[in-house]
């Protein structure tokens, strides 16, 4: 194995995952996938902007799941793109959010 690839492994992992996650999102968004994650209350509040005490309908869950996937994809893409603005505090927080969502949603990444 090329040890240079291990020097900054997060970039190679991000380059591998980002396009695959984008394709996964595209398949899901085109209604070709039955998968949808269980949506947590804090995600409802974050993505819909309000507390939700009753069961979400499929369209609401779908909207949140797509936005979660967008945040995950952003986190991985921002690791290998050369944009200097990716070093701002706001971007780093968004990266961290996306990576936490990836870990939380890992088991839901199936078609």
PDB file of N, CA and C in Angstrom:
ATOM      1  N   UNK A   1       0.847  -1.188   0.000  1.00  0.00           N
ATOM      2  CA  UNK A   1       0.000   0.000   0.000  1.00  0.00           C
ATOM      3  C   UNK A   1       0.887   1.243   0.000  1.00  0.00           C
ATOM      4  N   UNK A   2       0.447   2.243  -0.707  1.00  0.00           N
ATOM      5  CA  UNK A   2       1.152   3.513  -0.771  1.00  0.00           C
ATOM      6  C   UNK A   2       0.974   4.244   0.565  1.00  0.00           C
ATOM      7  N   UNK A   3       2.055   4.423   1.293  1.00  0.00           N
ATOM      8  CA  UNK A   3       1.957   5.059   2.613  1.00  0.00           C
ATOM      9  C   UNK A   3       1.560   6.531   2.521  1.00  0.00           C
ATOM     10  N   UNK A   4       1.745   7.150   1.361  1.00  0.00           N
ATOM     11  CA  UNK A   4       1.296   8.533   1.199  1.00  0.00           C
ATOM     12  C   UNK A   4      -0.225   8.640   1.338  1.00  0.00           C
ATOM     13  N   UNK A   5      -0.939   7.596   0.933  1.00  0.00           N
ATOM     14  CA  UNK A   5      -2.396   7.602   1.073  1.00  0.00           C
ATOM     15  C   UNK A   5      -2.812   7.562   2.545  1.00  0.00           C
ATOM     16  N   UNK A   6      -1.950   7.057   3.382  1.00  0.00           N
ATOM     17  CA  UNK A   6      -2.246   6.996   4.809  1.00  0.00           C
ATOM     18  C   UNK A   6      -1.925   8.302   5.523  1.00  0.00           C
ATOM     19  N   UNK A   7      -1.136   9.138   4.876  1.00  0.00           N
ATOM     20  CA  UNK A   7      -0.719  10.394   5.490  1.00  0.00           C
ATOM     21  C   UNK A   7      -1.923  11.245   5.891  1.00  0.00           C
ATOM     22  N   UNK A   8      -2.890  11.347   5.018  1.00  0.00           N
ATOM     23  CA  UNK A   8      -4.107  12.101   5.313  1.00  0.00           C
ATOM     24  C   UNK A   8      -5.297  11.258   4.865  1.00  0.00           C
ATOM     25  N   UNK A   9      -5.506  10.181   5.576  1.00  0.00           N
ATOM     26  CA  UNK A   9      -6.503   9.175   5.215  1.00  0.00           C
ATOM     27  C   UNK A   9      -7.913   9.752   5.100  1.00  0.00           C
ATOM     28  N   UNK A  10      -8.223  10.781   5.891  1.00  0.00           N
ATOM     29  CA  UNK A  10      -9.575  11.340   5.843  1.00  0.00           C
ATOM     30  C   UNK A  10      -9.924  11.865   4.454  1.00  0.00           C
ATOM     31  N   UNK A  11      -8.935  12.365   3.721  1.00  0.00           N
ATOM     32  CA  UNK A  11      -9.205  12.883   2.377  1.00  0.00           C
ATOM     33  C   UNK A  11      -9.543  11.742   1.428  1.00  0.00           C
ATOM     34  N   UNK A  12      -8.789  10.647   1.486  1.00  0.00           N
ATOM     35  CA  UNK A  12      -9.093   9.505   0.622  1.00  0.00           C
ATOM     36  C   UNK A  12     -10.448   8.896   0.955  1.00  0.00           C
ATOM     37  N   UNK A  13     -10.752   8.800   2.226  1.00  0.00           N
ATOM     38  CA  UNK A  13     -12.059   8.276   2.629  1.00  0.00           C
ATOM     39  C   UNK A  13     -13.165   9.204   2.143  1.00  0.00           C
ATOM     40  N   UNK A  14     -12.973  10.505   2.316  1.00  0.00           N
ATOM     41  CA  UNK A  14     -13.976  11.487   1.879  1.00  0.00           C
ATOM     42  C   UNK A  14     -14.182  11.425   0.369  1.00  0.00           C
ATOM     43  N   UNK A  15     -13.091  11.306  -0.397  1.00  0.00           N
ATOM     44  CA  UNK A  15     -13.196  11.216  -1.862  1.00  0.00           C
ATOM     45  C   UNK A  15     -13.909   9.947  -2.293  1.00  0.00           C
ATOM     46  N   UNK A  16     -13.785   8.900  -1.527  1.00  0.00           N
ATOM     47  CA  UNK A  16     -14.473   7.644  -1.831  1.00  0.00           C
ATOM     48  C   UNK A  16     -15.956   7.745  -1.493  1.00  0.00           C
ATOM     49  N   UNK A  17     -16.268   8.291  -0.330  1.00  0.00           N
ATOM     50  CA  UNK A  17     -17.655   8.302   0.154  1.00  0.00           C
ATOM     51  C   UNK A  17     -18.549   9.355  -0.483  1.00  0.00           C
ATOM     52  N   UNK A  18     -18.048  10.551  -0.688  1.00  0.00           N
ATOM     53  CA  UNK A  18     -18.903  11.654  -1.148  1.00  0.00           C
ATOM     54  C   UNK A  18     -19.674  11.325  -2.423  1.00  0.00           C
ATOM     55  N   UNK A  19     -19.029  10.823  -3.490  1.00  0.00           N
ATOM     56  CA  UNK A  19     -19.815  10.542  -4.702  1.00  0.00           C
ATOM     57  C   UNK A  19     -20.798   9.385  -4.512  1.00  0.00           C
ATOM     58  N   UNK A  20     -20.453   8.438  -3.687  1.00  0.00           N
ATOM     59  CA  UNK A  20     -21.360   7.314  -3.430  1.00  0.00           C
ATOM     60  C   UNK A  20     -22.564   7.755  -2.612  1.00  0.00           C
ATOM     61  N   UNK A  21     -22.339   8.630  -1.657  1.00  0.00           N
ATOM     62  CA  UNK A  21     -23.456   9.172  -0.879  1.00  0.00           C
ATOM     63  C   UNK A  21     -24.356  10.045  -1.750  1.00  0.00           C
ATOM     64  N   UNK A  22     -23.757  10.784  -2.667  1.00  0.00           N
ATOM     65  CA  UNK A  22     -24.552  11.605  -3.598  1.00  0.00           C
ATOM     66  C   UNK A  22     -25.435  10.724  -4.477  1.00  0.00           C
ATOM     67  N   UNK A  23     -24.881   9.637  -4.958  1.00  0.00           N
ATOM     68  CA  UNK A  23     -25.657   8.703  -5.786  1.00  0.00           C
ATOM     69  C   UNK A  23     -26.775   8.060  -4.955  1.00  0.00           C
ATOM     70  N   UNK A  24     -26.455   7.681  -3.724  1.00  0.00           N
ATOM     71  CA  UNK A  24     -27.450   7.119  -2.813  1.00  0.00           C
ATOM     72  C   UNK A  24     -28.601   8.103  -2.625  1.00  0.00           C
ATOM     73  N   UNK A  25     -28.271   9.364  -2.385  1.00  0.00           N
ATOM     74  CA  UNK A  25     -29.303  10.396  -2.206  1.00  0.00           C
ATOM     75  C   UNK A  25     -30.151  10.540  -3.458  1.00  0.00           C
ATOM     76  N   UNK A  26     -29.512  10.527  -4.611  1.00  0.00           N
ATOM     77  CA  UNK A  26     -30.226  10.660  -5.885  1.00  0.00           C
ATOM     78  C   UNK A  26     -31.220   9.519  -6.073  1.00  0.00           C
ATOM     79  N   UNK A  27     -30.797   8.311  -5.788  1.00  0.00           N
ATOM     80  CA  UNK A  27     -31.683   7.145  -5.908  1.00  0.00           C
ATOM     81  C   UNK A  27     -32.851   7.284  -4.934  1.00  0.00           C
ATOM     82  N   UNK A  28     -32.543   7.672  -3.709  1.00  0.00           N
ATOM     83  CA  UNK A  28     -33.602   7.849  -2.717  1.00  0.00           C
ATOM     84  C   UNK A  28     -34.569   8.958  -3.137  1.00  0.00           C
ATOM     85  N   UNK A  29     -34.036  10.089  -3.576  1.00  0.00           N
ATOM     86  CA  UNK A  29     -34.869  11.233  -3.944  1.00  0.00           C
ATOM     87  C   UNK A  29     -35.765  10.931  -5.139  1.00  0.00           C
ATOM     88  N   UNK A  30     -35.334  10.009  -5.992  1.00  0.00           N
ATOM     89  CA  UNK A  30     -36.148   9.619  -7.149  1.00  0.00           C
ATOM     90  C   UNK A  30     -37.122   8.491  -6.815  1.00  0.00           C
ATOM     91  N   UNK A  31     -37.289   8.248  -5.541  1.00  0.00           N
ATOM     92  CA  UNK A  31     -38.265   7.267  -5.046  1.00  0.00           C
ATOM     93  C   UNK A  31     -37.938   5.834  -5.468  1.00  0.00           C
ATOM     94  N   UNK A  32     -36.663   5.566  -5.650  1.00  0.00           N
ATOM     95  CA  UNK A  32     -36.263   4.208  -6.020  1.00  0.00           C
ATOM     96  C   UNK A  32     -35.716   3.435  -4.830  1.00  0.00           C
ATOM     97  N   UNK A  33     -35.982   3.906  -3.636  1.00  0.00           N
ATOM     98  CA  UNK A  33     -35.451   3.254  -2.451  1.00  0.00           C
ATOM     99  C   UNK A  33     -36.479   3.285  -1.325  1.00  0.00           C
ATOM    100  N   UNK A  34     -36.629   2.182  -0.625  1.00  0.00           N
ATOM    101  CA  UNK A  34     -37.569   2.163   0.494  1.00  0.00           C
ATOM    102  C   UNK A  34     -36.956   2.665   1.801  1.00  0.00           C
ATOM    103  N   UNK A  35     -35.641   2.859   1.845  1.00  0.00           N
ATOM    104  CA  UNK A  35     -34.993   3.192   3.106  1.00  0.00           C
ATOM    105  C   UNK A  35     -35.336   4.603   3.575  1.00  0.00           C
ATOM    106  N   UNK A  36     -35.542   4.721   4.847  1.00  0.00           N
ATOM    107  CA  UNK A  36     -35.677   6.043   5.473  1.00  0.00           C
ATOM    108  C   UNK A  36     -35.322   5.852   6.935  1.00  0.00           C
ATOM    109  N   UNK A  37     -34.532   6.748   7.426  1.00  0.00           N
ATOM    110  CA  UNK A  37     -34.083   6.581   8.797  1.00  0.00           C
ATOM    111  C   UNK A  37     -35.154   7.007   9.794  1.00  0.00           C
ATOM    112  N   UNK A  38     -35.006   6.530  11.016  1.00  0.00           N
ATOM    113  CA  UNK A  38     -35.857   7.016  12.094  1.00  0.00           C
ATOM    114  C   UNK A  38     -35.403   8.426  12.428  1.00  0.00           C
ATOM    115  N   UNK A  39     -36.319   9.360  12.441  1.00  0.00           N
ATOM    116  CA  UNK A  39     -35.983  10.762  12.647  1.00  0.00           C
ATOM    117  C   UNK A  39     -36.107  11.090  14.131  1.00  0.00           C
ATOM    118  N   UNK A  40     -35.048  11.665  14.668  1.00  0.00           N
ATOM    119  CA  UNK A  40     -35.022  12.037  16.080  1.00  0.00           C
ATOM    120  C   UNK A  40     -35.641  13.420  16.271  1.00  0.00           C
ATOM    121  N   UNK A  41     -36.106  13.666  17.481  1.00  0.00           N
ATOM    122  CA  UNK A  41     -36.776  14.934  17.781  1.00  0.00           C
ATOM    123  C   UNK A  41     -35.879  16.145  17.502  1.00  0.00           C
ATOM    124  N   UNK A  42     -34.595  16.044  17.836  1.00  0.00           N
ATOM    125  CA  UNK A  42     -33.708  17.194  17.608  1.00  0.00           C
ATOM    126  C   UNK A  42     -33.517  17.458  16.115  1.00  0.00           C
ATOM    127  N   UNK A  43     -33.604  16.415  15.298  1.00  0.00           N
ATOM    128  CA  UNK A  43     -33.505  16.603  13.855  1.00  0.00           C
ATOM    129  C   UNK A  43     -34.763  17.262  13.304  1.00  0.00           C
ATOM    130  N   UNK A  44     -35.914  16.914  13.849  1.00  0.00           N
ATOM    131  CA  UNK A  44     -37.166  17.551  13.433  1.00  0.00           C
ATOM    132  C   UNK A  44     -37.087  19.043  13.723  1.00  0.00           C
ATOM    133  N   UNK A  45     -36.634  19.367  14.915  1.00  0.00           N
ATOM    134  CA  UNK A  45     -36.538  20.776  15.293  1.00  0.00           C
ATOM    135  C   UNK A  45     -35.516  21.494  14.415  1.00  0.00           C
ATOM    136  N   UNK A  46     -34.386  20.882  14.159  1.00  0.00           N
ATOM    137  CA  UNK A  46     -33.332  21.520  13.363  1.00  0.00           C
ATOM    138  C   UNK A  46     -33.766  21.727  11.911  1.00  0.00           C
ATOM    139  N   UNK A  47     -34.342  20.702  11.298  1.00  0.00           N
ATOM    140  CA  UNK A  47     -34.654  20.772   9.875  1.00  0.00           C
ATOM    141  C   UNK A  47     -36.019  21.370   9.554  1.00  0.00           C
ATOM    142  N   UNK A  48     -36.989  21.178  10.433  1.00  0.00           N
ATOM    143  CA  UNK A  48     -38.315  21.738  10.172  1.00  0.00           C
ATOM    144  C   UNK A  48     -38.566  23.031  10.933  1.00  0.00           C
ATOM    145  N   UNK A  49     -37.753  23.289  11.962  1.00  0.00           N
ATOM    146  CA  UNK A  49     -37.847  24.542  12.691  1.00  0.00           C
ATOM    147  C   UNK A  49     -38.874  24.578  13.807  1.00  0.00           C
ATOM    148  N   UNK A  50     -39.428  23.435  14.152  1.00  0.00           N
ATOM    149  CA  UNK A  50     -40.397  23.417  15.234  1.00  0.00           C
ATOM    150  C   UNK A  50     -40.440  22.029  15.870  1.00  0.00           C
ATOM    151  N   UNK A  51     -40.965  21.992  17.112  1.00  0.00           N
ATOM    152  CA  UNK A  51     -41.144  20.708  17.787  1.00  0.00           C
ATOM    153  C   UNK A  51     -42.331  19.992  17.174  1.00  0.00           C
ATOM    154  N   UNK A  52     -42.229  18.719  17.107  1.00  0.00           N
ATOM    155  CA  UNK A  52     -43.281  17.923  16.492  1.00  0.00           C
ATOM    156  C   UNK A  52     -43.638  16.794  17.449  1.00  0.00           C
ATOM    157  N   UNK A  53     -44.844  16.801  17.944  1.00  0.00           N
ATOM    158  CA  UNK A  53     -45.249  15.832  18.964  1.00  0.00           C
ATOM    159  C   UNK A  53     -45.970  14.608  18.400  1.00  0.00           C
ATOM    160  N   UNK A  54     -46.418  14.684  17.156  1.00  0.00           N
ATOM    161  CA  UNK A  54     -47.111  13.543  16.565  1.00  0.00           C
ATOM    162  C   UNK A  54     -46.206  12.872  15.544  1.00  0.00           C
ATOM    163  N   UNK A  55     -46.615  11.725  15.078  1.00  0.00           N
ATOM    164  CA  UNK A  55     -45.836  10.984  14.084  1.00  0.00           C
ATOM    165  C   UNK A  55     -45.725  11.774  12.783  1.00  0.00           C
ATOM    166  N   UNK A  56     -44.524  11.839  12.243  1.00  0.00           N
ATOM    167  CA  UNK A  56     -44.316  12.508  10.966  1.00  0.00           C
ATOM    168  C   UNK A  56     -44.871  11.651   9.837  1.00  0.00           C
ATOM    169  N   UNK A  57     -45.363  12.300   8.802  1.00  0.00           N
ATOM    170  CA  UNK A  57     -45.777  11.523   7.642  1.00  0.00           C
ATOM    171  C   UNK A  57     -44.544  11.205   6.795  1.00  0.00           C
ATOM    172  N   UNK A  58     -44.707  10.358   5.795  1.00  0.00           N
ATOM    173  CA  UNK A  58     -43.568   9.915   4.990  1.00  0.00           C
ATOM    174  C   UNK A  58     -42.874  11.082   4.297  1.00  0.00           C
ATOM    175  N   UNK A  59     -43.638  12.032   3.756  1.00  0.00           N
ATOM    176  CA  UNK A  59     -43.032  13.172   3.055  1.00  0.00           C
ATOM    177  C   UNK A  59     -42.171  14.023   3.982  1.00  0.00           C
ATOM    178  N   UNK A  60     -42.612  14.212   5.214  1.00  0.00           N
ATOM    179  CA  UNK A  60     -41.811  14.980   6.177  1.00  0.00           C
ATOM    180  C   UNK A  60     -40.526  14.231   6.525  1.00  0.00           C
ATOM    181  N   UNK A  61     -40.637  12.920   6.741  1.00  0.00           N
ATOM    182  CA  UNK A  61     -39.445  12.113   7.020  1.00  0.00           C
ATOM    183  C   UNK A  61     -38.491  12.133   5.827  1.00  0.00           C
ATOM    184  N   UNK A  62     -39.059  12.043   4.646  1.00  0.00           N
ATOM    185  CA  UNK A  62     -38.255  12.059   3.425  1.00  0.00           C
ATOM    186  C   UNK A  62     -37.491  13.382   3.290  1.00  0.00           C
ATOM    187  N   UNK A  63     -38.165  14.488   3.557  1.00  0.00           N
ATOM    188  CA  UNK A  63     -37.530  15.804   3.486  1.00  0.00           C
ATOM    189  C   UNK A  63     -36.359  15.896   4.460  1.00  0.00           C
ATOM    190  N   UNK A  64     -36.576  15.452   5.672  1.00  0.00           N
ATOM    191  CA  UNK A  64     -35.516  15.492   6.679  1.00  0.00           C
ATOM    192  C   UNK A  64     -34.364  14.576   6.282  1.00  0.00           C
ATOM    193  N   UNK A  65     -34.657  13.377   5.820  1.00  0.00           N
ATOM    194  CA  UNK A  65     -33.617  12.420   5.433  1.00  0.00           C
ATOM    195  C   UNK A  65     -32.764  12.988   4.298  1.00  0.00           C
ATOM    196  N   UNK A  66     -33.370  13.629   3.323  1.00  0.00           N
ATOM    197  CA  UNK A  66     -32.611  14.233   2.220  1.00  0.00           C
ATOM    198  C   UNK A  66     -31.724  15.360   2.743  1.00  0.00           C
ATOM    199  N   UNK A  67     -32.228  16.150   3.645  1.00  0.00           N
ATOM    200  CA  UNK A  67     -31.412  17.239   4.209  1.00  0.00           C
ATOM    201  C   UNK A  67     -30.274  16.692   5.066  1.00  0.00           C
ATOM    202  N   UNK A  68     -30.522  15.604   5.768  1.00  0.00           N
ATOM    203  CA  UNK A  68     -29.454  14.944   6.530  1.00  0.00           C
ATOM    204  C   UNK A  68     -28.372  14.451   5.567  1.00  0.00           C
ATOM    205  N   UNK A  69     -28.792  13.804   4.484  1.00  0.00           N
ATOM    206  CA  UNK A  69     -27.825  13.334   3.492  1.00  0.00           C
ATOM    207  C   UNK A  69     -27.032  14.499   2.903  1.00  0.00           C
ATOM    208  N   UNK A  70     -27.685  15.623   2.642  1.00  0.00           N
ATOM    209  CA  UNK A  70     -26.975  16.812   2.151  1.00  0.00           C
ATOM    210  C   UNK A  70     -25.891  17.251   3.135  1.00  0.00           C
ATOM    211  N   UNK A  71     -26.213  17.252   4.415  1.00  0.00           N
ATOM    212  CA  UNK A  71     -25.228  17.661   5.429  1.00  0.00           C
ATOM    213  C   UNK A  71     -24.069  16.675   5.510  1.00  0.00           C
ATOM    214  N   UNK A  72     -24.368  15.387   5.386  1.00  0.00           N
ATOM    215  CA  UNK A  72     -23.311  14.369   5.407  1.00  0.00           C
ATOM    216  C   UNK A  72     -22.409  14.526   4.185  1.00  0.00           C
ATOM    217  N   UNK A  73     -23.012  14.690   3.028  1.00  0.00           N
ATOM    218  CA  UNK A  73     -22.243  14.855   1.786  1.00  0.00           C
ATOM    219  C   UNK A  73     -21.373  16.103   1.869  1.00  0.00           C
ATOM    220  N   UNK A  74     -21.926  17.195   2.354  1.00  0.00           N
ATOM    221  CA  UNK A  74     -21.139  18.410   2.508  1.00  0.00           C
ATOM    222  C   UNK A  74     -19.909  18.159   3.378  1.00  0.00           C
ATOM    223  N   UNK A  75     -20.104  17.453   4.489  1.00  0.00           N
ATOM    224  CA  UNK A  75     -18.985  17.204   5.405  1.00  0.00           C
ATOM    225  C   UNK A  75     -17.846  16.493   4.687  1.00  0.00           C
ATOM    226  N   UNK A  76     -18.163  15.466   3.920  1.00  0.00           N
ATOM    227  CA  UNK A  76     -17.105  14.727   3.229  1.00  0.00           C
ATOM    228  C   UNK A  76     -16.500  15.529   2.085  1.00  0.00           C
ATOM    229  N   UNK A  77     -17.328  16.205   1.310  1.00  0.00           N
ATOM    230  CA  UNK A  77     -16.802  16.998   0.190  1.00  0.00           C
ATOM    231  C   UNK A  77     -15.899  18.125   0.680  1.00  0.00           C
ATOM    232  N   UNK A  78     -16.228  18.723   1.784  1.00  0.00           N
ATOM    233  CA  UNK A  78     -15.449  19.861   2.265  1.00  0.00           C
ATOM    234  C   UNK A  78     -14.057  19.450   2.731  1.00  0.00           C
ATOM    235  N   UNK A  79     -13.830  18.165   2.965  1.00  0.00           N
ATOM    236  CA  UNK A  79     -12.503  17.707   3.366  1.00  0.00           C
ATOM    237  C   UNK A  79     -11.514  17.665   2.208  1.00  0.00           C
ATOM    238  N   UNK A  80     -11.998  17.534   0.991  1.00  0.00           N
ATOM    239  CA  UNK A  80     -11.040  17.418  -0.102  1.00  0.00           C
ATOM    240  C   UNK A  80     -11.118  18.541  -1.127  1.00  0.00           C
ATOM    241  N   UNK A  81     -12.047  19.435  -0.990  1.00  0.00           N
ATOM    242  CA  UNK A  81     -12.096  20.573  -1.912  1.00  0.00           C
ATOM    243  C   UNK A  81     -11.108  21.636  -1.448  1.00  0.00           C
ATOM    244  N   UNK A  82     -10.615  22.389  -2.377  1.00  0.00           N
ATOM    245  CA  UNK A  82      -9.548  23.350  -2.104  1.00  0.00           C
ATOM    246  C   UNK A  82     -10.038  24.736  -1.710  1.00  0.00           C
ATOM    247  N   UNK A  83     -11.256  24.879  -1.313  1.00  0.00           N
ATOM    248  CA  UNK A  83     -11.827  26.174  -0.951  1.00  0.00           C
ATOM    249  C   UNK A  83     -11.321  26.596   0.439  1.00  0.00           C
ATOM    250  N   UNK A  84     -10.662  27.727   0.499  1.00  0.00           N
ATOM    251  CA  UNK A  84     -10.098  28.207   1.769  1.00  0.00           C
ATOM    252  C   UNK A  84     -11.180  28.573   2.791  1.00  0.00           C
ATOM    253  N   UNK A  85     -12.383  28.858   2.326  1.00  0.00           N
ATOM    254  CA  UNK A  85     -13.456  29.204   3.265  1.00  0.00           C
ATOM    255  C   UNK A  85     -13.864  28.009   4.124  1.00  0.00           C
ATOM    256  N   UNK A  86     -13.413  26.805   3.741  1.00  0.00           N
ATOM    257  CA  UNK A  86     -13.747  25.620   4.528  1.00  0.00           C
ATOM    258  C   UNK A  86     -13.013  25.580   5.863  1.00  0.00           C
ATOM    259  N   UNK A  87     -12.195  26.566   6.137  1.00  0.00           N
ATOM    260  CA  UNK A  87     -11.500  26.621   7.416  1.00  0.00           C
ATOM    261  C   UNK A  87     -12.202  27.511   8.427  1.00  0.00           C
ATOM    262  N   UNK A  88     -13.331  28.086   8.063  1.00  0.00           N
ATOM    263  CA  UNK A  88     -14.036  28.973   8.989  1.00  0.00           C
ATOM    264  C   UNK A  88     -14.706  28.167  10.099  1.00  0.00           C
ATOM    265  N   UNK A  89     -14.973  28.830  11.202  1.00  0.00           N
ATOM    266  CA  UNK A  89     -15.614  28.173  12.347  1.00  0.00           C
ATOM    267  C   UNK A  89     -16.970  27.595  11.965  1.00  0.00           C
ATOM    268  N   UNK A  90     -17.725  28.347  11.190  1.00  0.00           N
ATOM    269  CA  UNK A  90     -19.063  27.907  10.765  1.00  0.00           C
ATOM    270  C   UNK A  90     -18.972  26.626   9.934  1.00  0.00           C
ATOM    271  N   UNK A  91     -18.012  26.571   9.028  1.00  0.00           N
ATOM    272  CA  UNK A  91     -17.855  25.396   8.172  1.00  0.00           C
ATOM    273  C   UNK A  91     -17.401  24.193   8.990  1.00  0.00           C
ATOM    274  N   UNK A  92     -16.488  24.422   9.912  1.00  0.00           N
ATOM    275  CA  UNK A  92     -16.011  23.326  10.759  1.00  0.00           C
ATOM    276  C   UNK A  92     -17.157  22.760  11.588  1.00  0.00           C
ATOM    277  N   UNK A  93     -18.024  23.627  12.093  1.00  0.00           N
ATOM    278  CA  UNK A  93     -19.202  23.157  12.844  1.00  0.00           C
ATOM    279  C   UNK A  93     -20.131  22.335  11.935  1.00  0.00           C
ATOM    280  N   UNK A  94     -20.299  22.794  10.699  1.00  0.00           N
ATOM    281  CA  UNK A  94     -21.144  22.069   9.753  1.00  0.00           C
ATOM    282  C   UNK A  94     -20.519  20.713   9.392  1.00  0.00           C
ATOM    283  N   UNK A  95     -19.197  20.682   9.247  1.00  0.00           N
ATOM    284  CA  UNK A  95     -18.507  19.409   9.008  1.00  0.00           C
ATOM    285  C   UNK A  95     -18.754  18.450  10.170  1.00  0.00           C
ATOM    286  N   UNK A  96     -18.567  18.953  11.387  1.00  0.00           N
ATOM    287  CA  UNK A  96     -18.762  18.110  12.570  1.00  0.00           C
ATOM    288  C   UNK A  96     -20.185  17.590  12.652  1.00  0.00           C
ATOM    289  N   UNK A  97     -21.143  18.441  12.340  1.00  0.00           N
ATOM    290  CA  UNK A  97     -22.550  18.013  12.343  1.00  0.00           C
ATOM    291  C   UNK A  97     -22.762  16.899  11.325  1.00  0.00           C
ATOM    292  N   UNK A  98     -22.242  17.084  10.114  1.00  0.00           N
ATOM    293  CA  UNK A  98     -22.391  16.065   9.076  1.00  0.00           C
ATOM    294  C   UNK A  98     -21.747  14.747   9.447  1.00  0.00           C
ATOM    295  N   UNK A  99     -20.579  14.800  10.070  1.00  0.00           N
ATOM    296  CA  UNK A  99     -19.898  13.568  10.469  1.00  0.00           C
ATOM    297  C   UNK A  99     -20.652  12.851  11.595  1.00  0.00           C
ATOM    298  N   UNK A 100     -21.212  13.624  12.519  1.00  0.00           N
ATOM    299  CA  UNK A 100     -22.029  13.008  13.580  1.00  0.00           C
ATOM    300  C   UNK A 100     -23.278  12.358  12.982  1.00  0.00           C
ATOM    301  N   UNK A 101     -23.889  13.045  12.016  1.00  0.00           N
ATOM    302  CA  UNK A 101     -25.069  12.478  11.357  1.00  0.00           C
ATOM    303  C   UNK A 101     -24.706  11.214  10.577  1.00  0.00           C
ATOM    304  N   UNK A 102     -23.523  11.198   9.971  1.00  0.00           N
ATOM    305  CA  UNK A 102     -23.070   9.998   9.258  1.00  0.00           C
ATOM    306  C   UNK A 102     -22.963   8.824  10.222  1.00  0.00           C
ATOM    307  N   UNK A 103     -22.320   9.037  11.350  1.00  0.00           N
ATOM    308  CA  UNK A 103     -22.179   7.964  12.336  1.00  0.00           C
ATOM    309  C   UNK A 103     -23.551   7.491  12.820  1.00  0.00           C
ATOM    310  N   UNK A 104     -24.429   8.424  13.069  1.00  0.00           N
ATOM    311  CA  UNK A 104     -25.770   8.119  13.560  1.00  0.00           C
ATOM    312  C   UNK A 104     -26.615   7.402  12.500  1.00  0.00           C
ATOM    313  N   UNK A 105     -26.385   7.735  11.229  1.00  0.00           N
ATOM    314  CA  UNK A 105     -27.212   7.222  10.133  1.00  0.00           C
ATOM    315  C   UNK A 105     -26.585   6.050   9.391  1.00  0.00           C
ATOM    316  N   UNK A 106     -25.419   5.636   9.783  1.00  0.00           N
ATOM    317  CA  UNK A 106     -24.671   4.621   9.058  1.00  0.00           C
ATOM    318  C   UNK A 106     -25.503   3.381   8.770  1.00  0.00           C
ATOM    319  N   UNK A 107     -26.250   2.910   9.756  1.00  0.00           N
ATOM    320  CA  UNK A 107     -27.049   1.690   9.582  1.00  0.00           C
ATOM    321  C   UNK A 107     -28.232   1.875   8.621  1.00  0.00           C
ATOM    322  N   UNK A 108     -28.566   3.111   8.299  1.00  0.00           N
ATOM    323  CA  UNK A 108     -29.683   3.400   7.414  1.00  0.00           C
ATOM    324  C   UNK A 108     -29.265   3.610   5.955  1.00  0.00           C
ATOM    325  N   UNK A 109     -27.998   3.426   5.672  1.00  0.00           N
ATOM    326  CA  UNK A 109     -27.490   3.633   4.319  1.00  0.00           C
ATOM    327  C   UNK A 109     -27.597   2.338   3.511  1.00  0.00           C
ATOM    328  N   UNK A 110     -28.803   2.006   3.142  1.00  0.00           N
ATOM    329  CA  UNK A 110     -29.049   0.818   2.315  1.00  0.00           C
ATOM    330  C   UNK A 110     -30.170   1.125   1.346  1.00  0.00           C
ATOM    331  N   UNK A 111     -30.166   0.409   0.259  1.00  0.00           N
ATOM    332  CA  UNK A 111     -31.210   0.565  -0.759  1.00  0.00           C
ATOM    333  C   UNK A 111     -31.888  -0.777  -0.938  1.00  0.00           C
TER     334      UNK A 111
END
